[in-house]
Protein backbone atom coordinates (compact mmCIF):
# COMPACT_ATOMS: atom_id res chain seq x y z
CA MET A 1 -14.75 5.67 11.40
CA LYS A 2 -12.20 6.69 14.07
CA LYS A 3 -9.51 4.58 12.32
CA LEU A 4 -10.35 6.16 8.94
CA LEU A 5 -10.12 9.71 10.35
CA SER A 6 -6.77 8.89 11.95
CA ALA A 7 -5.49 7.48 8.63
CA ILE A 8 -6.63 10.60 6.72
CA ALA A 9 -4.98 12.89 9.35
CA LEU A 10 -1.68 10.92 8.90
CA LEU A 11 -1.99 11.22 5.12
CA PHE A 12 -2.39 15.03 5.29
CA LEU A 13 0.63 15.27 7.65
CA LEU A 14 2.81 13.26 5.27
CA SER A 15 1.67 15.21 2.18
CA GLY A 16 2.46 18.48 4.06
CA ILE A 17 5.96 17.29 4.72
CA ALA A 18 6.39 16.30 1.07
CA PHE A 19 5.19 19.58 -0.47
CA ALA A 20 7.26 21.67 2.00
CA GLN A 21 10.45 20.66 0.16
CA THR A 22 12.17 22.51 -2.69
CA THR A 23 14.10 20.46 -5.20
CA VAL A 24 15.77 20.62 -8.63
CA ASP A 25 17.53 17.38 -9.50
CA LEU A 26 15.57 14.40 -8.08
CA ASN A 27 17.08 11.27 -6.59
CA GLY A 28 16.86 8.08 -8.65
CA VAL A 29 15.79 6.25 -5.52
CA THR A 30 13.33 8.03 -3.25
CA PHE A 31 11.44 7.14 -0.10
CA GLY A 32 7.86 8.19 0.67
CA PHE A 33 4.37 7.26 1.69
CA GLY A 34 1.28 6.22 -0.26
CA ALA A 35 -2.45 5.98 0.56
CA GLY A 36 -5.48 4.74 -1.28
CA PRO A 37 -8.09 1.99 -1.79
CA ALA A 38 -7.16 -1.70 -1.97
CA TYR A 39 -9.08 -4.72 -3.19
CA SER A 40 -8.41 -8.40 -2.46
CA PHE A 41 -8.94 -11.05 -5.10
CA ASP A 42 -9.45 -13.76 -2.48
CA ARG A 43 -12.31 -14.32 -0.06
CA THR A 44 -11.32 -14.38 3.58
CA TYR A 45 -13.37 -15.04 6.69
CA ASP A 46 -13.65 -14.16 10.36
CA TYR A 47 -14.48 -17.10 12.62
CA SER A 48 -16.36 -17.48 15.88
CA LEU A 49 -18.01 -20.10 18.07
CA THR A 50 -21.56 -19.72 19.29
CA THR A 51 -21.94 -18.78 22.93
CA ASP A 52 -24.32 -21.63 23.74
CA ALA A 53 -23.23 -25.03 25.05
CA ALA A 54 -22.76 -26.41 21.53
CA HIS A 55 -20.07 -23.90 20.51
CA ASN A 56 -20.83 -24.32 16.80
CA LEU A 57 -18.42 -22.87 14.24
CA LYS A 58 -19.68 -19.73 12.39
CA LEU A 59 -18.11 -18.03 9.39
CA GLN A 60 -18.37 -14.36 8.49
CA PRO A 61 -17.12 -13.27 5.00
CA LEU A 62 -14.83 -10.25 5.27
CA ASN A 63 -15.00 -7.19 3.09
CA LYS A 64 -12.58 -7.37 0.18
CA GLY A 65 -12.03 -3.61 0.13
CA ALA A 66 -9.90 -1.46 2.45
CA PHE A 67 -8.09 1.86 2.70
CA VAL A 68 -4.35 1.44 3.16
CA ILE A 69 -1.37 3.65 4.06
CA SER A 70 2.04 2.33 3.05
CA SER A 71 5.72 3.19 3.17
CA VAL A 72 7.03 3.26 -0.39
CA LEU A 73 10.48 2.92 -1.94
CA MET A 74 10.50 4.44 -5.41
CA VAL A 75 13.05 3.67 -8.14
CA LYS A 76 12.70 6.16 -10.97
CA LEU A 77 13.05 4.79 -14.54
CA GLY A 78 14.06 8.19 -15.96
CA LYS A 79 16.25 11.05 -14.74
CA VAL A 80 14.04 14.03 -14.02
CA SER A 81 14.40 17.47 -12.46
CA THR A 82 12.10 20.29 -11.52
CA ASP A 83 12.13 23.49 -13.57
CA PRO A 84 12.63 26.09 -10.79
CA THR A 85 10.69 28.71 -12.78
CA ASN A 86 7.37 26.85 -13.00
CA GLU A 87 7.77 23.61 -10.95
CA THR A 88 7.23 21.37 -14.01
CA LEU A 89 9.20 18.13 -14.53
CA VAL A 90 12.02 18.22 -17.08
CA LYS A 91 14.87 15.95 -18.15
CA GLN A 92 17.64 16.07 -15.59
CA ALA A 93 20.57 18.46 -16.07
CA LYS A 94 22.73 20.63 -13.92
CA LYS A 95 20.77 23.64 -12.74
CA SER A 96 23.17 26.08 -14.40
CA ASP A 97 23.14 24.11 -17.67
CA TYR A 98 19.33 23.89 -17.74
CA GLU A 99 18.88 27.59 -17.06
CA SER A 100 21.21 28.48 -19.93
CA LEU A 101 19.64 25.95 -22.37
CA ALA A 102 16.06 26.92 -21.51
CA SER A 103 16.38 30.37 -22.95
CA THR A 104 14.68 29.33 -26.19
CA LYS A 105 11.19 27.86 -26.50
CA ALA A 106 12.37 24.96 -28.74
CA THR A 107 15.09 23.91 -26.28
CA LYS A 108 12.68 24.17 -23.37
CA GLU A 109 10.11 21.97 -25.12
CA ALA A 110 12.87 19.41 -25.88
CA ALA A 111 13.84 19.35 -22.22
CA THR A 112 10.30 18.51 -21.04
CA ALA A 113 10.09 15.12 -19.35
CA ASP A 114 8.60 12.37 -21.49
CA PHE A 115 6.08 9.83 -20.30
CA TYR A 116 8.80 7.22 -19.72
CA ASP A 117 10.82 9.72 -17.67
CA ARG A 118 7.97 10.04 -15.20
CA LEU A 119 7.62 6.34 -14.46
CA SER A 120 8.74 4.64 -11.27
CA ILE A 121 8.95 1.10 -9.93
CA ASN A 122 7.60 1.08 -6.39
CA LEU A 123 7.96 -1.31 -3.45
CA ALA A 124 5.40 -0.84 -0.64
CA ILE A 125 4.90 -2.16 2.89
CA ASP A 126 1.52 -1.40 4.45
CA LEU A 127 1.59 0.55 7.71
CA ALA A 128 -2.17 0.82 8.27
CA ASN A 129 -5.17 -1.01 6.95
CA VAL A 130 -8.62 0.53 7.52
CA SER A 131 -11.68 -1.54 6.72
CA SER A 132 -15.05 -2.51 8.12
CA ASN A 133 -13.84 -6.01 8.96
CA VAL A 134 -14.11 -7.23 12.53
CA SER A 135 -10.74 -9.01 12.25
CA PHE A 136 -8.27 -9.46 9.43
CA ASN A 137 -5.20 -10.94 11.16
CA LYS A 138 -2.67 -9.83 8.56
CA ASN A 139 0.91 -10.92 9.16
CA VAL A 140 2.68 -9.51 6.09
CA SER A 141 1.31 -7.03 3.63
CA GLY A 142 2.97 -5.21 0.76
CA GLY A 143 3.36 -5.09 -2.98
CA ILE A 144 5.19 -3.99 -6.11
CA GLY A 145 3.78 -1.39 -8.45
CA LEU A 146 4.21 1.11 -11.23
CA GLY A 147 3.88 4.83 -10.59
CA TYR A 148 3.58 8.00 -12.73
CA PHE A 149 4.99 11.27 -11.34
CA ILE A 150 2.61 14.18 -11.73
CA THR A 151 4.97 16.53 -9.87
CA ASN A 152 8.39 15.98 -8.30
CA ASN A 153 6.72 14.94 -5.01
CA LEU A 154 3.46 13.32 -6.15
CA GLN A 155 2.66 10.27 -8.23
CA LEU A 156 -0.30 8.02 -9.10
CA ALA A 157 0.53 4.35 -8.64
CA VAL A 158 -1.02 0.92 -8.96
CA PHE A 159 0.29 -2.04 -6.88
CA TYR A 160 0.00 -5.80 -7.01
CA ASP A 161 -0.27 -6.70 -3.36
CA ILE A 162 0.55 -9.89 -1.44
CA SER A 163 -0.63 -10.56 2.10
CA GLN A 164 -0.63 -13.43 4.55
CA VAL A 165 -3.77 -13.93 6.66
CA ARG A 166 -4.47 -16.41 9.44
CA GLN A 167 -7.37 -18.61 8.30
CA LEU A 168 -8.94 -21.85 9.44
CA ARG A 169 -7.70 -24.90 7.59
CA ASP A 170 -9.97 -26.04 4.78
CA TYR A 171 -10.72 -29.42 6.34
CA VAL A 172 -11.85 -27.74 9.58
CA VAL A 173 -14.30 -25.49 7.71
CA SER A 174 -15.64 -28.25 5.46
CA SER A 175 -16.07 -30.71 8.33
CA TYR A 176 -17.29 -28.48 11.17
CA GLN A 177 -19.10 -25.44 9.78
CA ASP A 178 -22.22 -24.94 11.93
CA LYS A 179 -20.95 -27.78 14.15
CA PRO A 180 -18.73 -28.05 17.25
CA ILE A 181 -14.99 -28.63 16.66
CA PRO A 182 -13.67 -31.60 18.63
CA ASN A 183 -10.49 -31.14 20.66
CA SER A 184 -7.73 -33.69 21.19
CA ASP A 185 -8.90 -34.26 24.79
CA GLY A 186 -12.31 -35.53 23.63
CA LYS A 187 -14.12 -32.29 24.32
CA ASN A 188 -15.08 -29.48 21.96
CA TYR A 189 -13.33 -26.15 21.50
CA ASN A 190 -15.04 -23.32 23.40
CA ALA A 191 -12.75 -20.61 21.95
CA LEU A 192 -10.57 -20.11 18.84
CA ASP A 193 -6.94 -19.13 19.01
CA THR A 194 -5.34 -18.01 15.73
CA SER A 195 -1.89 -19.16 17.01
CA ASP A 196 -3.13 -22.76 17.12
CA ASN A 197 -1.49 -24.35 14.08
CA ASN A 198 -3.71 -27.40 14.34
CA LEU A 199 -6.63 -25.19 13.30
CA PHE A 200 -5.11 -22.17 11.52
CA TYR A 201 -2.53 -21.57 8.82
CA ASN A 202 -1.08 -18.54 6.94
CA LYS A 203 -3.05 -18.13 3.80
CA THR A 204 -1.44 -16.06 1.02
CA ILE A 205 -3.86 -13.68 -0.73
CA SER A 206 -3.33 -11.19 -3.53
CA GLY A 207 -4.99 -8.03 -4.73
CA LEU A 208 -4.68 -4.57 -6.23
CA SER A 209 -4.34 -1.14 -4.67
CA PHE A 210 -4.36 2.37 -6.16
CA LYS A 211 -2.45 5.02 -4.26
CA LEU A 212 -1.37 8.62 -4.25
CA VAL A 213 2.31 8.42 -3.36
CA PHE A 214 4.23 11.34 -1.79
CA SER A 215 8.04 11.36 -1.87
CA ILE A 216 9.85 12.94 1.08
CA ALA A 217 13.49 12.21 0.40
CA ASN A 218 14.29 14.17 -2.75
CA LYS A 219 17.59 15.97 -3.36
CA LYS A 220 17.93 19.54 -2.28
CA SER A 221 18.59 22.26 -4.83
CA LYS A 222 22.16 22.67 -6.01
C-alpha cells in the first residue's frame, strides 16, 4: 500500500508539471511519463526453501497484474497544435496563420485535428512497478505502444511490454519441487541466490499495459 501511495503521488506531481505548460505548435517528438495497469501473459514464480533441515524447494505463483509508472518517448504521427482560444487540438499551422484562417466556422471545422493526427507511437521504460508480489526480480522492463492524444498534454495509450525476470531453470523446478536441491559439494542448498546462473536464468516475458501518458516537453507558444 505504501508503494502504491508513493506511485500515485509521483503521478500527480508529473501531471501537474504537464498541465502547467502553455503550448501552440506541438513537437513531433515529445518526452513524458505514463502510469496505469499492466498484465503479464506469462506465469512467473517466487522461490524459497523450507526452514527445516530438509530445505525443500517451494514455489509461489506471482500476481500477473501490476501498476506501473514509465518514462515515455512519443513520436506523433500527425502535426497538431493547440487552438489558443479553447485549448482543442487542430492541424498544425503558424499561430498567426491559424488565427486569420479560423475566422469562419467552415475553415475552423476543416482545421480540426483528425483521428490520425492525434495518434502517437510510444516507447516506454518502466520506472516503478507496484504489485502484491513478494519478489519480481525484473532486470529490463519496457514496451512499444500506440497512443491517442485527448489534449496537447494527455493521451490514452496501450503498450506491448517485454520484461526479463530471474527464474529457476525448468529442470531444477521439474526435478526438485518439494525436494532439496543438491549442491556441487554433495550437500543441499540452504538458500537461493538469484545471481547463481547454475540455478537461475533471465526469462523473457510479455504482456500489455494501459496508461495515461502526460507529455512535459512540448514547444512553447510562438
